């Protein structure tokens, strides 16, 4: 996740945009829907490995959908390329969570 954040921070800096997550703690979101999803999933992850894997699957599927939307809306090759790499990483994470769920 640190690499994901770094890639986005580089894009923001390259375009002279402020980072909207500055001064926000881990698990804090400006988007109320994401905050609600995070809070719901955070309550489940400590219950079992299987529930944690299910939460991870939901998160990665959400990330992939959001990244696809952002790529489609982008008119910048640099932005689209960066987001495509992040989408690929999320697909790898999704596979890992599915394997964890199957083993749990």
PDB file of N, CA and C in Angstrom:
ATOM      1  N   UNK A   1       0.819  -1.195   0.000  1.00  0.00           N
ATOM      2  CA  UNK A   1       0.000   0.000   0.000  1.00  0.00           C
ATOM      3  C   UNK A   1       0.859   1.254   0.000  1.00  0.00           C
ATOM      4  N   UNK A   2       2.033   1.158   0.602  1.00  0.00           N
ATOM      5  CA  UNK A   2       2.943   2.298   0.613  1.00  0.00           C
ATOM      6  C   UNK A   2       3.349   2.660  -0.800  1.00  0.00           C
ATOM      7  N   UNK A   3       3.567   1.655  -1.638  1.00  0.00           N
ATOM      8  CA  UNK A   3       3.926   1.912  -3.034  1.00  0.00           C
ATOM      9  C   UNK A   3       2.765   2.550  -3.790  1.00  0.00           C
ATOM     10  N   UNK A   4       1.534   2.120  -3.491  1.00  0.00           N
ATOM     11  CA  UNK A   4       0.353   2.717  -4.122  1.00  0.00           C
ATOM     12  C   UNK A   4       0.278   4.203  -3.752  1.00  0.00           C
ATOM     13  N   UNK A   5       0.419   4.474  -2.465  1.00  0.00           N
ATOM     14  CA  UNK A   5       0.351   5.862  -2.000  1.00  0.00           C
ATOM     15  C   UNK A   5       1.435   6.712  -2.636  1.00  0.00           C
ATOM     16  N   UNK A   6       2.627   6.169  -2.729  1.00  0.00           N
ATOM     17  CA  UNK A   6       3.741   6.896  -3.318  1.00  0.00           C
ATOM     18  C   UNK A   6       3.472   7.233  -4.785  1.00  0.00           C
ATOM     19  N   UNK A   7       2.914   6.288  -5.519  1.00  0.00           N
ATOM     20  CA  UNK A   7       2.614   6.529  -6.939  1.00  0.00           C
ATOM     21  C   UNK A   7       1.598   7.655  -7.098  1.00  0.00           C
ATOM     22  N   UNK A   8       0.594   7.657  -6.256  1.00  0.00           N
ATOM     23  CA  UNK A   8      -0.433   8.707  -6.328  1.00  0.00           C
ATOM     24  C   UNK A   8       0.141  10.052  -5.884  1.00  0.00           C
ATOM     25  N   UNK A   9       0.956  10.039  -4.833  1.00  0.00           N
ATOM     26  CA  UNK A   9       1.569  11.286  -4.371  1.00  0.00           C
ATOM     27  C   UNK A   9       2.458  11.891  -5.452  1.00  0.00           C
ATOM     28  N   UNK A  10       3.160  11.053  -6.200  1.00  0.00           N
ATOM     29  CA  UNK A  10       3.997  11.557  -7.297  1.00  0.00           C
ATOM     30  C   UNK A  10       3.136  12.187  -8.387  1.00  0.00           C
ATOM     31  N   UNK A  11       2.008  11.556  -8.696  1.00  0.00           N
ATOM     32  CA  UNK A  11       1.097  12.144  -9.688  1.00  0.00           C
ATOM     33  C   UNK A  11       0.573  13.491  -9.205  1.00  0.00           C
ATOM     34  N   UNK A  12       0.135  13.541  -7.964  1.00  0.00           N
ATOM     35  CA  UNK A  12      -0.388  14.798  -7.422  1.00  0.00           C
ATOM     36  C   UNK A  12       0.672  15.895  -7.477  1.00  0.00           C
ATOM     37  N   UNK A  13       1.875  15.566  -7.057  1.00  0.00           N
ATOM     38  CA  UNK A  13       2.964  16.548  -7.075  1.00  0.00           C
ATOM     39  C   UNK A  13       3.267  16.985  -8.500  1.00  0.00           C
ATOM     40  N   UNK A  14       3.269  16.039  -9.435  1.00  0.00           N
ATOM     41  CA  UNK A  14       3.559  16.351 -10.833  1.00  0.00           C
ATOM     42  C   UNK A  14       2.549  17.303 -11.449  1.00  0.00           C
ATOM     43  N   UNK A  15       1.334  17.257 -10.963  1.00  0.00           N
ATOM     44  CA  UNK A  15       0.278  18.136 -11.466  1.00  0.00           C
ATOM     45  C   UNK A  15       0.038  19.333 -10.549  1.00  0.00           C
ATOM     46  N   UNK A  16       0.862  19.457  -9.514  1.00  0.00           N
ATOM     47  CA  UNK A  16       0.731  20.585  -8.601  1.00  0.00           C
ATOM     48  C   UNK A  16      -0.543  20.559  -7.772  1.00  0.00           C
ATOM     49  N   UNK A  17      -1.019  19.349  -7.479  1.00  0.00           N
ATOM     50  CA  UNK A  17      -2.254  19.209  -6.705  1.00  0.00           C
ATOM     51  C   UNK A  17      -1.945  18.853  -5.260  1.00  0.00           C
ATOM     52  N   UNK A  18      -2.765  19.354  -4.368  1.00  0.00           N
ATOM     53  CA  UNK A  18      -2.600  19.046  -2.946  1.00  0.00           C
ATOM     54  C   UNK A  18      -3.060  17.620  -2.670  1.00  0.00           C
ATOM     55  N   UNK A  19      -2.411  16.990  -1.718  1.00  0.00           N
ATOM     56  CA  UNK A  19      -2.790  15.645  -1.294  1.00  0.00           C
ATOM     57  C   UNK A  19      -3.979  15.764  -0.351  1.00  0.00           C
ATOM     58  N   UNK A  20      -5.134  15.244  -0.741  1.00  0.00           N
ATOM     59  CA  UNK A  20      -6.323  15.378   0.113  1.00  0.00           C
ATOM     60  C   UNK A  20      -6.272  14.522   1.373  1.00  0.00           C
ATOM     61  N   UNK A  21      -5.272  13.655   1.489  1.00  0.00           N
ATOM     62  CA  UNK A  21      -5.187  12.787   2.668  1.00  0.00           C
ATOM     63  C   UNK A  21      -4.245  13.322   3.743  1.00  0.00           C
ATOM     64  N   UNK A  22      -3.628  14.478   3.493  1.00  0.00           N
ATOM     65  CA  UNK A  22      -2.733  15.058   4.488  1.00  0.00           C
ATOM     66  C   UNK A  22      -3.504  15.283   5.786  1.00  0.00           C
ATOM     67  N   UNK A  23      -2.878  14.949   6.878  1.00  0.00           N
ATOM     68  CA  UNK A  23      -3.454  15.090   8.216  1.00  0.00           C
ATOM     69  C   UNK A  23      -4.626  14.146   8.493  1.00  0.00           C
ATOM     70  N   UNK A  24      -4.779  13.129   7.662  1.00  0.00           N
ATOM     71  CA  UNK A  24      -5.809  12.129   7.910  1.00  0.00           C
ATOM     72  C   UNK A  24      -5.128  10.860   8.406  1.00  0.00           C
ATOM     73  N   UNK A  25      -5.710  10.255   9.412  1.00  0.00           N
ATOM     74  CA  UNK A  25      -5.159   9.017   9.965  1.00  0.00           C
ATOM     75  C   UNK A  25      -5.490   7.847   9.041  1.00  0.00           C
ATOM     76  N   UNK A  26      -4.747   6.763   9.186  1.00  0.00           N
ATOM     77  CA  UNK A  26      -5.060   5.540   8.450  1.00  0.00           C
ATOM     78  C   UNK A  26      -6.487   5.133   8.799  1.00  0.00           C
ATOM     79  N   UNK A  27      -7.252   4.793   7.787  1.00  0.00           N
ATOM     80  CA  UNK A  27      -8.641   4.398   8.014  1.00  0.00           C
ATOM     81  C   UNK A  27      -9.626   5.546   8.021  1.00  0.00           C
ATOM     82  N   UNK A  28      -9.154   6.758   7.741  1.00  0.00           N
ATOM     83  CA  UNK A  28     -10.033   7.933   7.631  1.00  0.00           C
ATOM     84  C   UNK A  28     -10.223   8.265   6.166  1.00  0.00           C
ATOM     85  N   UNK A  29     -11.475   8.498   5.783  1.00  0.00           N
ATOM     86  CA  UNK A  29     -11.785   8.814   4.393  1.00  0.00           C
ATOM     87  C   UNK A  29     -12.701  10.027   4.341  1.00  0.00           C
ATOM     88  N   UNK A  30     -12.507  10.863   3.334  1.00  0.00           N
ATOM     89  CA  UNK A  30     -13.389  12.009   3.130  1.00  0.00           C
ATOM     90  C   UNK A  30     -14.723  11.561   2.538  1.00  0.00           C
ATOM     91  N   UNK A  31     -14.673  10.502   1.737  1.00  0.00           N
ATOM     92  CA  UNK A  31     -15.871   9.979   1.092  1.00  0.00           C
ATOM     93  C   UNK A  31     -16.668   9.169   2.118  1.00  0.00           C
ATOM     94  N   UNK A  32     -17.896   9.589   2.438  1.00  0.00           N
ATOM     95  CA  UNK A  32     -18.681   8.902   3.466  1.00  0.00           C
ATOM     96  C   UNK A  32     -18.971   7.431   3.130  1.00  0.00           C
ATOM     97  N   UNK A  33     -19.162   7.123   1.852  1.00  0.00           N
ATOM     98  CA  UNK A  33     -19.430   5.730   1.465  1.00  0.00           C
ATOM     99  C   UNK A  33     -18.210   4.854   1.723  1.00  0.00           C
ATOM    100  N   UNK A  34     -17.021   5.357   1.388  1.00  0.00           N
ATOM    101  CA  UNK A  34     -15.800   4.599   1.659  1.00  0.00           C
ATOM    102  C   UNK A  34     -15.565   4.466   3.155  1.00  0.00           C
ATOM    103  N   UNK A  35     -15.862   5.523   3.901  1.00  0.00           N
ATOM    104  CA  UNK A  35     -15.698   5.460   5.347  1.00  0.00           C
ATOM    105  C   UNK A  35     -16.609   4.401   5.951  1.00  0.00           C
ATOM    106  N   UNK A  36     -17.849   4.362   5.476  1.00  0.00           N
ATOM    107  CA  UNK A  36     -18.803   3.385   5.979  1.00  0.00           C
ATOM    108  C   UNK A  36     -18.341   1.964   5.634  1.00  0.00           C
ATOM    109  N   UNK A  37     -17.869   1.751   4.413  1.00  0.00           N
ATOM    110  CA  UNK A  37     -17.369   0.432   4.011  1.00  0.00           C
ATOM    111  C   UNK A  37     -16.165   0.043   4.852  1.00  0.00           C
ATOM    112  N   UNK A  38     -15.238   0.972   5.038  1.00  0.00           N
ATOM    113  CA  UNK A  38     -14.050   0.695   5.857  1.00  0.00           C
ATOM    114  C   UNK A  38     -14.448   0.300   7.278  1.00  0.00           C
ATOM    115  N   UNK A  39     -15.316   1.079   7.880  1.00  0.00           N
ATOM    116  CA  UNK A  39     -15.741   0.805   9.256  1.00  0.00           C
ATOM    117  C   UNK A  39     -16.400  -0.565   9.369  1.00  0.00           C
ATOM    118  N   UNK A  40     -17.237  -0.896   8.408  1.00  0.00           N
ATOM    119  CA  UNK A  40     -17.924  -2.190   8.403  1.00  0.00           C
ATOM    120  C   UNK A  40     -16.918  -3.334   8.294  1.00  0.00           C
ATOM    121  N   UNK A  41     -15.973  -3.202   7.365  1.00  0.00           N
ATOM    122  CA  UNK A  41     -14.994  -4.271   7.152  1.00  0.00           C
ATOM    123  C   UNK A  41     -14.005  -4.366   8.308  1.00  0.00           C
ATOM    124  N   UNK A  42     -13.643  -3.231   8.883  1.00  0.00           N
ATOM    125  CA  UNK A  42     -12.690  -3.229  10.001  1.00  0.00           C
ATOM    126  C   UNK A  42     -13.233  -4.002  11.196  1.00  0.00           C
ATOM    127  N   UNK A  43     -14.540  -3.980  11.371  1.00  0.00           N
ATOM    128  CA  UNK A  43     -15.138  -4.730  12.481  1.00  0.00           C
ATOM    129  C   UNK A  43     -15.061  -6.235  12.257  1.00  0.00           C
ATOM    130  N   UNK A  44     -14.924  -6.666  11.012  1.00  0.00           N
ATOM    131  CA  UNK A  44     -14.936  -8.090  10.696  1.00  0.00           C
ATOM    132  C   UNK A  44     -13.552  -8.739  10.666  1.00  0.00           C
ATOM    133  N   UNK A  45     -12.514  -7.976  10.377  1.00  0.00           N
ATOM    134  CA  UNK A  45     -11.214  -8.583  10.094  1.00  0.00           C
ATOM    135  C   UNK A  45     -10.588  -9.309  11.270  1.00  0.00           C
ATOM    136  N   UNK A  46     -10.904  -8.937  12.480  1.00  0.00           N
ATOM    137  CA  UNK A  46     -10.309  -9.594  13.643  1.00  0.00           C
ATOM    138  C   UNK A  46     -11.061 -10.840  14.081  1.00  0.00           C
ATOM    139  N   UNK A  47     -12.157 -11.156  13.429  1.00  0.00           N
ATOM    140  CA  UNK A  47     -12.972 -12.289  13.844  1.00  0.00           C
ATOM    141  C   UNK A  47     -12.415 -13.624  13.367  1.00  0.00           C
ATOM    142  N   UNK A  48     -11.841 -13.660  12.157  1.00  0.00           N
ATOM    143  CA  UNK A  48     -11.258 -14.894  11.639  1.00  0.00           C
ATOM    144  C   UNK A  48     -10.463 -14.578  10.376  1.00  0.00           C
ATOM    145  N   UNK A  49      -9.578 -15.503  10.029  1.00  0.00           N
ATOM    146  CA  UNK A  49      -8.791 -15.326   8.797  1.00  0.00           C
ATOM    147  C   UNK A  49      -9.705 -15.312   7.578  1.00  0.00           C
ATOM    148  N   UNK A  50     -10.738 -16.140   7.609  1.00  0.00           N
ATOM    149  CA  UNK A  50     -11.661 -16.192   6.474  1.00  0.00           C
ATOM    150  C   UNK A  50     -12.404 -14.862   6.312  1.00  0.00           C
ATOM    151  N   UNK A  51     -12.847 -14.271   7.429  1.00  0.00           N
ATOM    152  CA  UNK A  51     -13.538 -12.978   7.353  1.00  0.00           C
ATOM    153  C   UNK A  51     -12.579 -11.872   6.913  1.00  0.00           C
ATOM    154  N   UNK A  52     -11.344 -11.955   7.356  1.00  0.00           N
ATOM    155  CA  UNK A  52     -10.338 -10.983   6.926  1.00  0.00           C
ATOM    156  C   UNK A  52     -10.093 -11.111   5.425  1.00  0.00           C
ATOM    157  N   UNK A  53     -10.012 -12.351   4.934  1.00  0.00           N
ATOM    158  CA  UNK A  53      -9.819 -12.566   3.496  1.00  0.00           C
ATOM    159  C   UNK A  53     -11.004 -12.032   2.705  1.00  0.00           C
ATOM    160  N   UNK A  54     -12.216 -12.263   3.206  1.00  0.00           N
ATOM    161  CA  UNK A  54     -13.413 -11.750   2.532  1.00  0.00           C
ATOM    162  C   UNK A  54     -13.383 -10.219   2.480  1.00  0.00           C
ATOM    163  N   UNK A  55     -12.954  -9.598   3.574  1.00  0.00           N
ATOM    164  CA  UNK A  55     -12.844  -8.138   3.596  1.00  0.00           C
ATOM    165  C   UNK A  55     -11.824  -7.675   2.571  1.00  0.00           C
ATOM    166  N   UNK A  56     -10.689  -8.365   2.498  1.00  0.00           N
ATOM    167  CA  UNK A  56      -9.661  -8.027   1.514  1.00  0.00           C
ATOM    168  C   UNK A  56     -10.178  -8.138   0.093  1.00  0.00           C
ATOM    169  N   UNK A  57     -10.974  -9.160  -0.165  1.00  0.00           N
ATOM    170  CA  UNK A  57     -11.555  -9.349  -1.500  1.00  0.00           C
ATOM    171  C   UNK A  57     -12.464  -8.181  -1.851  1.00  0.00           C
ATOM    172  N   UNK A  58     -13.299  -7.781  -0.912  1.00  0.00           N
ATOM    173  CA  UNK A  58     -14.198  -6.644  -1.155  1.00  0.00           C
ATOM    174  C   UNK A  58     -13.396  -5.373  -1.424  1.00  0.00           C
ATOM    175  N   UNK A  59     -12.370  -5.150  -0.632  1.00  0.00           N
ATOM    176  CA  UNK A  59     -11.543  -3.949  -0.805  1.00  0.00           C
ATOM    177  C   UNK A  59     -10.890  -3.940  -2.172  1.00  0.00           C
ATOM    178  N   UNK A  60     -10.284  -5.058  -2.563  1.00  0.00           N
ATOM    179  CA  UNK A  60      -9.588  -5.095  -3.858  1.00  0.00           C
ATOM    180  C   UNK A  60     -10.566  -4.964  -5.021  1.00  0.00           C
ATOM    181  N   UNK A  61     -11.728  -5.582  -4.922  1.00  0.00           N
ATOM    182  CA  UNK A  61     -12.723  -5.430  -5.994  1.00  0.00           C
ATOM    183  C   UNK A  61     -13.182  -3.981  -6.099  1.00  0.00           C
ATOM    184  N   UNK A  62     -13.343  -3.332  -4.953  1.00  0.00           N
ATOM    185  CA  UNK A  62     -13.722  -1.915  -4.944  1.00  0.00           C
ATOM    186  C   UNK A  62     -12.613  -1.073  -5.572  1.00  0.00           C
ATOM    187  N   UNK A  63     -11.358  -1.343  -5.187  1.00  0.00           N
ATOM    188  CA  UNK A  63     -10.218  -0.614  -5.754  1.00  0.00           C
ATOM    189  C   UNK A  63     -10.162  -0.786  -7.270  1.00  0.00           C
ATOM    190  N   UNK A  64     -10.314  -2.020  -7.729  1.00  0.00           N
ATOM    191  CA  UNK A  64     -10.236  -2.296  -9.172  1.00  0.00           C
ATOM    192  C   UNK A  64     -11.321  -1.541  -9.922  1.00  0.00           C
ATOM    193  N   UNK A  65     -12.547  -1.569  -9.407  1.00  0.00           N
ATOM    194  CA  UNK A  65     -13.642  -0.844 -10.068  1.00  0.00           C
ATOM    195  C   UNK A  65     -13.367   0.658 -10.099  1.00  0.00           C
ATOM    196  N   UNK A  66     -12.907   1.206  -8.983  1.00  0.00           N
ATOM    197  CA  UNK A  66     -12.607   2.640  -8.923  1.00  0.00           C
ATOM    198  C   UNK A  66     -11.469   3.006  -9.876  1.00  0.00           C
ATOM    199  N   UNK A  67     -10.448   2.165  -9.921  1.00  0.00           N
ATOM    200  CA  UNK A  67      -9.316   2.435 -10.817  1.00  0.00           C
ATOM    201  C   UNK A  67      -9.743   2.355 -12.279  1.00  0.00           C
ATOM    202  N   UNK A  68     -10.569   1.392 -12.631  1.00  0.00           N
ATOM    203  CA  UNK A  68     -11.070   1.289 -14.010  1.00  0.00           C
ATOM    204  C   UNK A  68     -11.821   2.561 -14.398  1.00  0.00           C
ATOM    205  N   UNK A  69     -12.673   3.033 -13.491  1.00  0.00           N
ATOM    206  CA  UNK A  69     -13.421   4.267 -13.759  1.00  0.00           C
ATOM    207  C   UNK A  69     -12.478   5.448 -13.953  1.00  0.00           C
ATOM    208  N   UNK A  70     -11.471   5.550 -13.100  1.00  0.00           N
ATOM    209  CA  UNK A  70     -10.517   6.667 -13.193  1.00  0.00           C
ATOM    210  C   UNK A  70      -9.690   6.584 -14.475  1.00  0.00           C
ATOM    211  N   UNK A  71      -9.312   5.379 -14.870  1.00  0.00           N
ATOM    212  CA  UNK A  71      -8.546   5.203 -16.114  1.00  0.00           C
ATOM    213  C   UNK A  71      -9.399   5.634 -17.298  1.00  0.00           C
ATOM    214  N   UNK A  72     -10.651   5.206 -17.320  1.00  0.00           N
ATOM    215  CA  UNK A  72     -11.552   5.559 -18.420  1.00  0.00           C
ATOM    216  C   UNK A  72     -11.782   7.071 -18.499  1.00  0.00           C
ATOM    217  N   UNK A  73     -11.783   7.736 -17.349  1.00  0.00           N
ATOM    218  CA  UNK A  73     -12.045   9.180 -17.308  1.00  0.00           C
ATOM    219  C   UNK A  73     -10.793  10.016 -17.566  1.00  0.00           C
ATOM    220  N   UNK A  74      -9.634   9.380 -17.543  1.00  0.00           N
ATOM    221  CA  UNK A  74      -8.384  10.125 -17.667  1.00  0.00           C
ATOM    222  C   UNK A  74      -8.085  10.477 -19.120  1.00  0.00           C
ATOM    223  N   UNK A  75      -7.556  11.678 -19.305  1.00  0.00           N
ATOM    224  CA  UNK A  75      -7.102  12.076 -20.642  1.00  0.00           C
ATOM    225  C   UNK A  75      -5.576  12.192 -20.670  1.00  0.00           C
ATOM    226  N   UNK A  76      -4.938  11.645 -19.656  1.00  0.00           N
ATOM    227  CA  UNK A  76      -3.480  11.688 -19.559  1.00  0.00           C
ATOM    228  C   UNK A  76      -2.915  10.272 -19.627  1.00  0.00           C
ATOM    229  N   UNK A  77      -1.978  10.067 -20.540  1.00  0.00           N
ATOM    230  CA  UNK A  77      -1.330   8.760 -20.647  1.00  0.00           C
ATOM    231  C   UNK A  77      -0.543   8.416 -19.391  1.00  0.00           C
ATOM    232  N   UNK A  78       0.069   9.431 -18.772  1.00  0.00           N
ATOM    233  CA  UNK A  78       0.854   9.192 -17.552  1.00  0.00           C
ATOM    234  C   UNK A  78      -0.063   8.744 -16.417  1.00  0.00           C
ATOM    235  N   UNK A  79      -1.180   9.430 -16.260  1.00  0.00           N
ATOM    236  CA  UNK A  79      -2.131   9.072 -15.208  1.00  0.00           C
ATOM    237  C   UNK A  79      -2.700   7.680 -15.478  1.00  0.00           C
ATOM    238  N   UNK A  80      -3.131   7.434 -16.705  1.00  0.00           N
ATOM    239  CA  UNK A  80      -3.711   6.136 -17.052  1.00  0.00           C
ATOM    240  C   UNK A  80      -2.707   5.009 -16.841  1.00  0.00           C
ATOM    241  N   UNK A  81      -1.457   5.241 -17.191  1.00  0.00           N
ATOM    242  CA  UNK A  81      -0.417   4.223 -17.014  1.00  0.00           C
ATOM    243  C   UNK A  81      -0.190   3.919 -15.536  1.00  0.00           C
ATOM    244  N   UNK A  82      -0.108   4.960 -14.725  1.00  0.00           N
ATOM    245  CA  UNK A  82       0.090   4.769 -13.286  1.00  0.00           C
ATOM    246  C   UNK A  82      -1.089   4.024 -12.679  1.00  0.00           C
ATOM    247  N   UNK A  83      -2.283   4.438 -13.033  1.00  0.00           N
ATOM    248  CA  UNK A  83      -3.474   3.785 -12.488  1.00  0.00           C
ATOM    249  C   UNK A  83      -3.591   2.344 -12.978  1.00  0.00           C
ATOM    250  N   UNK A  84      -3.168   2.076 -14.201  1.00  0.00           N
ATOM    251  CA  UNK A  84      -3.181   0.707 -14.728  1.00  0.00           C
ATOM    252  C   UNK A  84      -2.238  -0.193 -13.939  1.00  0.00           C
ATOM    253  N   UNK A  85      -1.079   0.341 -13.559  1.00  0.00           N
ATOM    254  CA  UNK A  85      -0.150  -0.441 -12.730  1.00  0.00           C
ATOM    255  C   UNK A  85      -0.764  -0.718 -11.358  1.00  0.00           C
ATOM    256  N   UNK A  86      -1.447   0.267 -10.802  1.00  0.00           N
ATOM    257  CA  UNK A  86      -2.106   0.064  -9.515  1.00  0.00           C
ATOM    258  C   UNK A  86      -3.236  -0.963  -9.635  1.00  0.00           C
ATOM    259  N   UNK A  87      -3.947  -0.936 -10.749  1.00  0.00           N
ATOM    260  CA  UNK A  87      -5.008  -1.925 -10.979  1.00  0.00           C
ATOM    261  C   UNK A  87      -4.409  -3.331 -11.063  1.00  0.00           C
ATOM    262  N   UNK A  88      -3.299  -3.461 -11.750  1.00  0.00           N
ATOM    263  CA  UNK A  88      -2.623  -4.756 -11.853  1.00  0.00           C
ATOM    264  C   UNK A  88      -2.202  -5.264 -10.475  1.00  0.00           C
ATOM    265  N   UNK A  89      -1.675  -4.375  -9.652  1.00  0.00           N
ATOM    266  CA  UNK A  89      -1.277  -4.754  -8.295  1.00  0.00           C
ATOM    267  C   UNK A  89      -2.496  -5.185  -7.486  1.00  0.00           C
ATOM    268  N   UNK A  90      -3.601  -4.475  -7.637  1.00  0.00           N
ATOM    269  CA  UNK A  90      -4.822  -4.845  -6.921  1.00  0.00           C
ATOM    270  C   UNK A  90      -5.336  -6.208  -7.376  1.00  0.00           C
ATOM    271  N   UNK A  91      -5.163  -6.520  -8.641  1.00  0.00           N
ATOM    272  CA  UNK A  91      -5.560  -7.852  -9.128  1.00  0.00           C
ATOM    273  C   UNK A  91      -4.703  -8.937  -8.471  1.00  0.00           C
ATOM    274  N   UNK A  92      -3.420  -8.651  -8.292  1.00  0.00           N
ATOM    275  CA  UNK A  92      -2.545  -9.607  -7.600  1.00  0.00           C
ATOM    276  C   UNK A  92      -2.965  -9.762  -6.145  1.00  0.00           C
ATOM    277  N   UNK A  93      -3.307  -8.658  -5.500  1.00  0.00           N
ATOM    278  CA  UNK A  93      -3.780  -8.715  -4.117  1.00  0.00           C
ATOM    279  C   UNK A  93      -5.072  -9.529  -4.030  1.00  0.00           C
ATOM    280  N   UNK A  94      -5.957  -9.319  -4.994  1.00  0.00           N
ATOM    281  CA  UNK A  94      -7.230 -10.038  -5.020  1.00  0.00           C
ATOM    282  C   UNK A  94      -6.990 -11.546  -5.094  1.00  0.00           C
ATOM    283  N   UNK A  95      -6.079 -11.964  -5.954  1.00  0.00           N
ATOM    284  CA  UNK A  95      -5.748 -13.393  -6.055  1.00  0.00           C
ATOM    285  C   UNK A  95      -5.230 -13.930  -4.724  1.00  0.00           C
ATOM    286  N   UNK A  96      -4.389 -13.158  -4.070  1.00  0.00           N
ATOM    287  CA  UNK A  96      -3.831 -13.593  -2.789  1.00  0.00           C
ATOM    288  C   UNK A  96      -4.929 -13.733  -1.735  1.00  0.00           C
ATOM    289  N   UNK A  97      -5.856 -12.791  -1.680  1.00  0.00           N
ATOM    290  CA  UNK A  97      -6.950 -12.883  -0.716  1.00  0.00           C
ATOM    291  C   UNK A  97      -7.858 -14.075  -1.018  1.00  0.00           C
ATOM    292  N   UNK A  98      -8.062 -14.357  -2.300  1.00  0.00           N
ATOM    293  CA  UNK A  98      -8.883 -15.520  -2.663  1.00  0.00           C
ATOM    294  C   UNK A  98      -8.195 -16.814  -2.233  1.00  0.00           C
ATOM    295  N   UNK A  99      -6.880 -16.886  -2.385  1.00  0.00           N
ATOM    296  CA  UNK A  99      -6.150 -18.075  -1.917  1.00  0.00           C
ATOM    297  C   UNK A  99      -6.251 -18.199  -0.400  1.00  0.00           C
ATOM    298  N   UNK A 100      -6.129 -17.102   0.310  1.00  0.00           N
ATOM    299  CA  UNK A 100      -6.245 -17.121   1.776  1.00  0.00           C
ATOM    300  C   UNK A 100      -7.636 -17.591   2.197  1.00  0.00           C
ATOM    301  N   UNK A 101      -8.644 -17.079   1.524  1.00  0.00           N
ATOM    302  CA  UNK A 101     -10.016 -17.483   1.849  1.00  0.00           C
ATOM    303  C   UNK A 101     -10.189 -18.975   1.634  1.00  0.00           C
ATOM    304  N   UNK A 102      -9.641 -19.512   0.551  1.00  0.00           N
ATOM    305  CA  UNK A 102      -9.787 -20.930   0.241  1.00  0.00           C
ATOM    306  C   UNK A 102      -9.084 -21.815   1.290  1.00  0.00           C
ATOM    307  N   UNK A 103      -8.008 -21.316   1.867  1.00  0.00           N
ATOM    308  CA  UNK A 103      -7.257 -22.076   2.872  1.00  0.00           C
ATOM    309  C   UNK A 103      -7.858 -21.959   4.271  1.00  0.00           C
ATOM    310  N   UNK A 104      -8.696 -20.961   4.471  1.00  0.00           N
ATOM    311  CA  UNK A 104      -9.253 -20.707   5.818  1.00  0.00           C
ATOM    312  C   UNK A 104     -10.471 -21.559   6.103  1.00  0.00           C
TER     313      UNK A 104
END
